[in-house]
Every structure is written in structure tokens, then in C-alpha cells.
Amino acid sequence: MSEVTNSTHIPFYFILTGIPGFEAYHIWISIPFCCLYTISIVGNTTILSVIRTEPSLHQPMYLFLSMLALTDLGLTLSTLPTVMQLLWFNIRHISFEACFAQFFFLHGFSFMESSVLLAMSFDRYVAICRPLHYATILTNTVIGRIGIAIVLRCVLAVLPSLFLLKRLPFCRSHLLSHSYCLHQDMIRLACADIRVNSWYGFALVLLIIVMDPLLIVLSYAMILKSILSTATWNERLRAFNNCLSHILAVLVLYIPMVGVSMTHRFAKHASPLLHVFMANVYMLAPPVMNPIIYSVKTKQIRQGIIHLLFQRKVH
């Protein structure tokens, strides 16, 4: 009797979807995906190596950047196995347990990305608005506590949604819309009352996807006020340049995030290709673009990369 119940309510697997209408070209589509994943892994690993090996970069700004690089690596590695095995070998089945594990890490690292960017905006606020107290406010102990708080915040945010989703019976089609397990994609397959899940998801949206950008905007409003009231034009340009990398990283995360939310809410009947494209941009854009942005816009990171490469050639 228990076996019948399990087979009815809990699928042993979900079925992943690649690029709708282009299944015959998956092997060719895998080439740009492979390049993007390689750029993300190599880029973020390089950022971490540079910050670890350069004593001059053991400062709050770069410690937060290392947190961002670790988060981007986690986000990349969360989707890489299922995406590439589907494109390369047409393996579309994913077990129930593996799908929920991917869901947990995928959404956990996504929320963590937002939290780290919020912490980085606080770092920029202290550096520009309270420069004399910068070293005393952002000590290594404080940065460590912020890092622990970010991890706890994201784990405690995702765990309830995981348990709420696992308790639902999945007796409809097991076909997912993407090549990885997203909450909004999995929940539509449930054949039970999902109001609690929906309300909790809405609370998470308010807590993280809405509150974090608002706090980041508030921090930059205070930074802008401080810059305009006290600095010369040269100092204003220098301060703006110090913030530019972070501003670009914020835009790279939140523009696709808003795009995915708008697509799921207001374009439900749009082409499946649009949903897949937006979801892949949302998952791949931050991990790929962040190391490029910080390598191009941050002189110390550029110099650290050159020094790291030169050292390897010498040895």
C-alpha cells in the first residue's frame, strides 16, 4: 500500500527540458553554455586566488568580493551538472531527491548573491561617508559575522520553502520547464492546495528581492548626498569610480531577476523559449559577468591577476 501511495504522490524522478524546439541542436547549443560555465569557473576562481595570494587585497572591500566570487561559483556549480548532461547526453531524468537538493542550493546561492551585494553596499557607504572610521567599523571580526549572518539568512529563508514543497503530492506531469529545478517550476506540478507555499514565496520576495534592492538604493542615496555636499569634482569622480563595479554587479543581478519574475507573472502564455532564455540569463549572467566587471574596473584586481600569471610563468 505504501508503494502505491509513493508512486501516486511522490515521483521518483522529474523530467528536465532543454531548449524547446531545438532539441536536435543541443550538442551545438552546448558549446556556448560550456564557454559560459568555463568563464564563470575560471574567472571566479582567479578572483579568489588573487585575493588570497595578495596581502594588499586583504581589506574589507576585497573580502566581500571573495564572498561574491564564492557565491557565484556555488550558483554555477548548482546548475552545471544537469544542464550539461542534458545538452551532451540527453539525460533528462533527475531523481526526486536530487531535484530538491538542486532547488535548495540554487535558490540559496541566488539569495546569497543578493545578500552579499547588500553587504558590499554597506562597505561602500562606510568607505565614502565615514572614511575615518572605516578600519574600526569593518574589522575582520565584523566581516566574519556578516558572512555568517548572510549564510544563516539564506539557509533559514530557503529551508521552510523546501519543507513546504516536499510535503505536497506530485501526481500531475513530472515534466519541468527548464534544465534545472526552480521553485516556481516545481510548484506548478503539485496537485494540492499551494496557498501556504505561495504566501511564503511572496514573503521571501518582499524580504530579499524587494528589501535588498531598496536598502542598496538607500545606501547609494546617502553616498550621493555625502559626495555632492563635501567633495570636489575630482573626488566625486574617484568615489563614483570606486562604486561603479558594485553598481554594475547590482544591475547584472536584479535586471534579469525582475525580468524572470515579470515573465512568470505577466507572460505565462508566452513562448516557452522566452521563459527558458530569461531563466538562463538570470542564472548565468551574474557568475559570468561579475569577474569580468571586477577584473576590468578594479585596478588592484587587474594588477593581482597579472602578478599571479607572471608568477606562474616564472615558476
Protein backbone atom coordinates (compact mmCIF):
# COMPACT_ATOMS: atom_id res chain seq x y z
CA MET A 1 0.00 0.00 0.00
CA SER A 2 2.84 2.39 0.82
CA GLU A 3 4.45 1.68 -2.56
CA VAL A 4 1.24 2.62 -4.36
CA THR A 5 0.96 5.82 -2.34
CA ASN A 6 4.55 6.75 -3.11
CA SER A 7 4.17 6.13 -6.81
CA THR A 8 0.97 8.20 -6.85
CA HIS A 9 2.04 11.16 -4.77
CA ILE A 10 5.83 11.31 -4.91
CA PRO A 11 7.53 10.85 -8.29
CA PHE A 12 10.82 9.04 -8.22
CA TYR A 13 12.08 11.49 -10.82
CA PHE A 14 11.32 14.71 -12.66
CA ILE A 15 11.92 15.24 -16.38
CA LEU A 16 14.07 18.20 -17.41
CA THR A 17 13.58 20.25 -20.56
CA GLY A 18 16.35 21.63 -22.75
CA ILE A 19 15.82 24.33 -25.38
CA PRO A 20 12.25 23.85 -26.71
CA GLY A 21 12.17 23.32 -30.47
CA PHE A 22 15.95 22.98 -30.72
CA GLU A 23 16.44 19.51 -29.26
CA ALA A 24 18.22 18.34 -32.43
CA TYR A 25 20.82 21.09 -31.96
CA HIS A 26 21.59 20.52 -28.28
CA ILE A 27 25.14 19.41 -28.99
CA TRP A 28 25.84 22.71 -30.77
CA ILE A 29 23.99 24.76 -28.14
CA SER A 30 26.21 23.11 -25.53
CA ILE A 31 29.25 24.97 -26.95
CA PRO A 32 28.23 28.50 -25.78
CA PHE A 33 26.93 27.05 -22.50
CA CYS A 34 30.24 25.28 -21.93
CA CYS A 35 32.13 28.51 -22.68
CA LEU A 36 29.99 30.49 -20.23
CA TYR A 37 30.41 27.92 -17.47
CA THR A 38 34.18 27.85 -18.11
CA ILE A 39 34.39 31.66 -17.95
CA SER A 40 32.45 31.66 -14.68
CA ILE A 41 34.54 28.95 -13.01
CA VAL A 42 37.91 30.25 -14.22
CA GLY A 43 37.00 33.90 -13.58
CA ASN A 44 35.70 33.46 -10.04
CA THR A 45 38.48 31.03 -9.11
CA THR A 46 41.03 33.57 -10.37
CA ILE A 47 39.43 36.34 -8.29
CA LEU A 48 39.63 34.13 -5.19
CA SER A 49 43.26 33.17 -5.91
CA VAL A 50 44.30 36.80 -6.42
CA ILE A 51 42.65 37.97 -3.19
CA ARG A 52 44.13 35.05 -1.23
CA THR A 53 47.70 35.50 -2.50
CA GLU A 54 47.90 39.32 -2.47
CA PRO A 55 48.31 40.67 1.10
CA SER A 56 47.40 44.18 -0.11
CA LEU A 57 43.91 42.88 -1.01
CA HIS A 58 43.14 41.60 2.49
CA GLN A 59 40.80 44.53 3.01
CA PRO A 60 37.02 44.62 3.64
CA MET A 61 36.10 45.51 0.05
CA TYR A 62 38.01 42.53 -1.37
CA LEU A 63 36.90 40.16 1.38
CA PHE A 64 33.31 40.92 0.39
CA LEU A 65 34.33 40.43 -3.26
CA SER A 66 35.68 36.98 -2.36
CA MET A 67 32.28 36.18 -0.79
CA LEU A 68 30.64 37.24 -4.06
CA ALA A 69 33.02 35.03 -6.07
CA LEU A 70 32.30 32.03 -3.81
CA THR A 71 28.57 32.62 -4.20
CA ASP A 72 28.91 32.84 -7.99
CA LEU A 73 30.87 29.57 -8.01
CA GLY A 74 28.12 27.93 -5.97
CA LEU A 75 25.45 29.25 -8.33
CA THR A 76 27.39 27.97 -11.36
CA LEU A 77 28.05 24.52 -9.92
CA SER A 78 24.39 24.19 -8.88
CA THR A 79 23.14 24.17 -12.48
CA LEU A 80 26.16 22.87 -14.42
CA PRO A 81 25.62 19.08 -13.95
CA THR A 82 22.00 18.91 -15.13
CA VAL A 83 22.39 21.46 -17.93
CA MET A 84 25.47 19.88 -19.49
CA GLN A 85 24.34 16.25 -19.12
CA LEU A 86 21.08 17.18 -20.84
CA LEU A 87 22.81 19.03 -23.70
CA TRP A 88 25.62 16.49 -24.14
CA PHE A 89 23.97 13.14 -23.40
CA ASN A 90 20.23 13.95 -23.49
CA ILE A 91 19.87 12.73 -19.88
CA ARG A 92 16.56 14.29 -18.92
CA HIS A 93 15.63 12.41 -15.74
CA ILE A 94 16.57 13.76 -12.34
CA SER A 95 15.67 11.96 -9.13
CA PHE A 96 13.25 13.45 -6.64
CA GLU A 97 15.98 13.92 -4.01
CA ALA A 98 18.50 15.39 -6.46
CA CYS A 99 15.93 17.87 -7.76
CA PHE A 100 15.13 19.13 -4.26
CA ALA A 101 18.84 19.36 -3.43
CA GLN A 102 19.41 21.42 -6.57
CA PHE A 103 16.41 23.61 -5.73
CA PHE A 104 17.86 24.28 -2.25
CA PHE A 105 21.35 25.22 -3.46
CA LEU A 106 20.12 27.13 -6.50
CA HIS A 107 17.77 29.40 -4.60
CA GLY A 108 20.10 29.56 -1.58
CA PHE A 109 23.03 30.85 -3.62
CA SER A 110 20.73 33.19 -5.56
CA PHE A 111 19.50 34.80 -2.32
CA MET A 112 23.08 34.81 -1.03
CA GLU A 113 24.15 36.81 -4.07
CA SER A 114 21.61 39.49 -3.17
CA SER A 115 22.71 39.48 0.48
CA VAL A 116 26.40 39.83 -0.41
CA LEU A 117 25.65 42.77 -2.72
CA LEU A 118 23.75 44.41 0.15
CA ALA A 119 26.78 43.91 2.43
CA MET A 120 29.03 45.39 -0.27
CA SER A 121 26.80 48.48 -0.48
CA PHE A 122 27.25 48.92 3.28
CA ASP A 123 31.01 48.64 2.76
CA ARG A 124 30.89 51.40 0.11
CA TYR A 125 28.72 53.57 2.39
CA VAL A 126 31.20 53.32 5.29
CA ALA A 127 34.21 53.85 2.98
CA ILE A 128 32.80 57.06 1.47
CA CYS A 129 30.59 58.53 4.20
CA ARG A 130 32.69 57.57 7.24
CA PRO A 131 36.21 57.05 5.90
CA LEU A 132 37.96 57.85 9.20
CA HIS A 133 36.06 55.06 10.98
CA TYR A 134 36.29 52.55 8.12
CA ALA A 135 39.00 50.37 9.69
CA THR A 136 37.38 50.37 13.13
CA ILE A 137 33.85 49.61 11.87
CA LEU A 138 34.65 46.89 9.32
CA THR A 139 37.12 44.77 11.23
CA ASN A 140 37.82 41.16 10.24
CA THR A 141 35.61 40.01 13.12
CA VAL A 142 32.70 42.12 11.89
CA ILE A 143 33.18 40.90 8.31
CA GLY A 144 33.22 37.30 9.54
CA ARG A 145 29.99 37.86 11.45
CA ILE A 146 28.39 39.45 8.38
CA GLY A 147 29.41 36.41 6.33
CA ILE A 148 27.90 34.01 8.89
CA ALA A 149 24.72 36.13 9.05
CA ILE A 150 24.40 36.01 5.25
CA VAL A 151 24.69 32.21 5.19
CA LEU A 152 22.21 31.77 8.06
CA ARG A 153 19.79 34.23 6.49
CA CYS A 154 19.72 32.38 3.18
CA VAL A 155 19.58 28.88 4.68
CA LEU A 156 16.76 29.82 7.05
CA ALA A 157 14.91 31.53 4.18
CA VAL A 158 15.07 28.56 1.79
CA LEU A 159 14.60 25.66 4.25
CA PRO A 160 10.90 26.36 5.01
CA SER A 161 10.07 26.56 1.30
CA LEU A 162 11.90 23.26 0.80
CA PHE A 163 9.86 21.52 3.51
CA LEU A 164 6.61 23.14 2.32
CA LEU A 165 7.28 21.90 -1.21
CA LYS A 166 8.31 18.38 -0.15
CA ARG A 167 5.05 17.84 1.72
CA LEU A 168 3.00 18.35 -1.48
CA PRO A 169 1.78 15.43 -3.61
CA PHE A 170 3.09 15.49 -7.20
CA CYS A 171 0.56 13.46 -9.15
CA ARG A 172 0.49 15.54 -12.33
CA SER A 173 3.00 15.58 -15.15
CA HIS A 174 6.58 15.35 -13.94
CA LEU A 175 7.85 17.50 -16.81
CA LEU A 176 9.78 20.61 -15.74
CA SER A 177 10.18 23.65 -17.99
CA HIS A 178 13.94 24.08 -17.54
CA SER A 179 17.13 22.07 -17.40
CA TYR A 180 17.33 22.57 -13.61
CA CYS A 181 14.88 22.62 -10.70
CA LEU A 182 13.30 26.01 -9.94
CA HIS A 183 10.71 26.52 -7.20
CA GLN A 184 8.17 28.25 -9.45
CA ASP A 185 8.55 25.44 -11.98
CA MET A 186 8.19 22.58 -9.48
CA ILE A 187 5.25 24.03 -7.58
CA ARG A 188 3.02 24.12 -10.67
CA LEU A 189 3.22 20.29 -10.81
CA ALA A 190 1.69 19.86 -7.35
CA CYS A 191 -1.91 18.68 -7.15
CA ALA A 192 -2.79 20.15 -3.76
CA ASP A 193 -3.53 23.48 -2.11
CA ILE A 194 -0.39 25.63 -2.55
CA ARG A 195 -1.62 28.81 -0.86
CA VAL A 196 0.81 28.45 2.06
CA ASN A 197 3.67 27.98 -0.41
CA SER A 198 2.54 31.00 -2.41
CA TRP A 199 2.27 33.24 0.63
CA TYR A 200 5.66 32.15 1.90
CA GLY A 201 7.15 32.75 -1.55
CA PHE A 202 5.58 36.22 -1.54
CA ALA A 203 7.11 36.91 1.90
CA LEU A 204 10.53 35.87 0.57
CA VAL A 205 10.11 38.20 -2.40
CA LEU A 206 9.41 41.09 -0.01
CA LEU A 207 12.24 40.11 2.36
CA ILE A 208 15.00 39.61 -0.20
CA ILE A 209 14.12 40.55 -3.77
CA VAL A 210 12.38 43.80 -2.75
CA MET A 211 14.02 44.83 0.54
CA ASP A 212 17.65 44.24 -0.53
CA PRO A 213 17.50 46.49 -3.63
CA LEU A 214 15.67 49.18 -1.63
CA LEU A 215 18.40 49.13 1.04
CA ILE A 216 21.08 49.25 -1.67
CA VAL A 217 19.36 52.25 -3.28
CA LEU A 218 19.10 53.90 0.15
CA SER A 219 22.82 53.40 0.79
CA TYR A 220 23.68 54.95 -2.57
CA ALA A 221 21.32 57.86 -1.94
CA MET A 222 23.27 58.58 1.25
CA ILE A 223 26.57 58.12 -0.60
CA LEU A 224 25.44 60.52 -3.31
CA LYS A 225 24.34 63.08 -0.74
CA SER A 226 27.70 62.85 1.02
CA ILE A 227 29.67 63.15 -2.23
CA LEU A 228 27.71 66.15 -3.55
CA SER A 229 27.88 68.06 -0.27
CA THR A 230 31.58 67.77 0.53
CA ALA A 231 33.73 66.61 -2.38
CA THR A 232 35.40 68.36 -5.30
CA TRP A 233 34.73 67.18 -8.86
CA ASN A 234 37.87 65.01 -8.87
CA GLU A 235 36.92 63.42 -5.56
CA ARG A 236 33.37 62.84 -6.83
CA LEU A 237 34.66 61.05 -9.93
CA ARG A 238 37.03 58.95 -7.82
CA ALA A 239 34.24 57.99 -5.41
CA PHE A 240 31.90 57.16 -8.29
CA ASN A 241 34.57 55.03 -9.94
CA ASN A 242 35.06 53.13 -6.66
CA CYS A 243 31.33 52.31 -6.65
CA LEU A 244 30.91 51.60 -10.37
CA SER A 245 31.87 47.91 -10.23
CA HIS A 246 29.37 47.29 -7.45
CA ILE A 247 26.63 49.21 -9.26
CA LEU A 248 27.18 47.11 -12.41
CA ALA A 249 27.10 43.88 -10.34
CA VAL A 250 23.79 45.00 -8.79
CA LEU A 251 22.29 45.68 -12.23
CA VAL A 252 23.55 42.34 -13.60
CA LEU A 253 21.72 40.50 -10.79
CA TYR A 254 18.48 42.44 -10.41
CA ILE A 255 17.60 43.23 -14.04
CA PRO A 256 17.41 39.50 -15.01
CA MET A 257 15.76 38.70 -11.64
CA VAL A 258 13.00 41.23 -12.27
CA GLY A 259 12.74 40.04 -15.88
CA VAL A 260 12.18 36.42 -14.79
CA SER A 261 9.58 37.46 -12.19
CA MET A 262 7.72 39.63 -14.72
CA THR A 263 7.82 36.86 -17.33
CA HIS A 264 6.39 34.25 -14.95
CA ARG A 265 3.70 36.62 -13.67
CA PHE A 266 2.59 38.51 -16.80
CA ALA A 267 3.73 36.35 -19.72
CA LYS A 268 2.60 32.88 -18.65
CA HIS A 269 1.33 32.09 -22.14
CA ALA A 270 4.41 33.40 -23.94
CA SER A 271 6.65 31.08 -25.94
CA PRO A 272 8.44 28.52 -23.72
CA LEU A 273 11.62 29.65 -25.45
CA LEU A 274 11.25 33.10 -23.81
CA HIS A 275 10.92 31.55 -20.34
CA VAL A 276 13.95 29.32 -20.89
CA PHE A 277 16.01 32.22 -22.24
CA MET A 278 15.14 34.52 -19.32
CA ALA A 279 15.82 31.80 -16.73
CA ASN A 280 19.24 31.01 -18.25
CA VAL A 281 20.17 34.69 -18.37
CA TYR A 282 19.16 35.03 -14.70
CA MET A 283 21.27 32.03 -13.66
CA LEU A 284 24.33 32.65 -15.84
CA ALA A 285 24.67 36.43 -16.10
CA PRO A 286 25.94 37.22 -12.55
CA PRO A 287 28.53 34.40 -12.30
CA VAL A 288 29.87 35.15 -15.78
CA MET A 289 29.79 38.95 -15.67
CA ASN A 290 30.94 39.70 -12.11
CA PRO A 291 34.57 38.50 -12.53
CA ILE A 292 34.76 40.36 -15.86
CA ILE A 293 33.39 43.56 -14.31
CA TYR A 294 35.76 43.49 -11.34
CA SER A 295 38.75 42.47 -13.48
CA VAL A 296 38.17 45.35 -15.91
CA LYS A 297 37.07 48.07 -13.48
CA THR A 298 39.26 47.36 -10.42
CA LYS A 299 42.92 48.25 -10.87
CA GLN A 300 44.11 46.22 -7.87
CA ILE A 301 42.40 43.06 -9.18
CA ARG A 302 43.89 43.61 -12.65
CA GLN A 303 47.35 44.02 -11.20
CA GLY A 304 46.84 40.97 -8.99
CA ILE A 305 45.84 38.83 -12.00
CA ILE A 306 48.89 39.98 -13.97
CA HIS A 307 51.14 39.28 -10.98
CA LEU A 308 49.57 35.83 -10.49
CA LEU A 309 50.03 34.92 -14.16
CA PHE A 310 53.61 36.28 -14.19
CA GLN A 311 54.48 34.23 -11.08
CA ARG A 312 53.16 31.05 -12.70
CA LYS A 313 55.18 31.67 -15.86
CA VAL A 314 58.35 32.25 -13.84
CA HIS A 315 57.86 29.02 -11.88
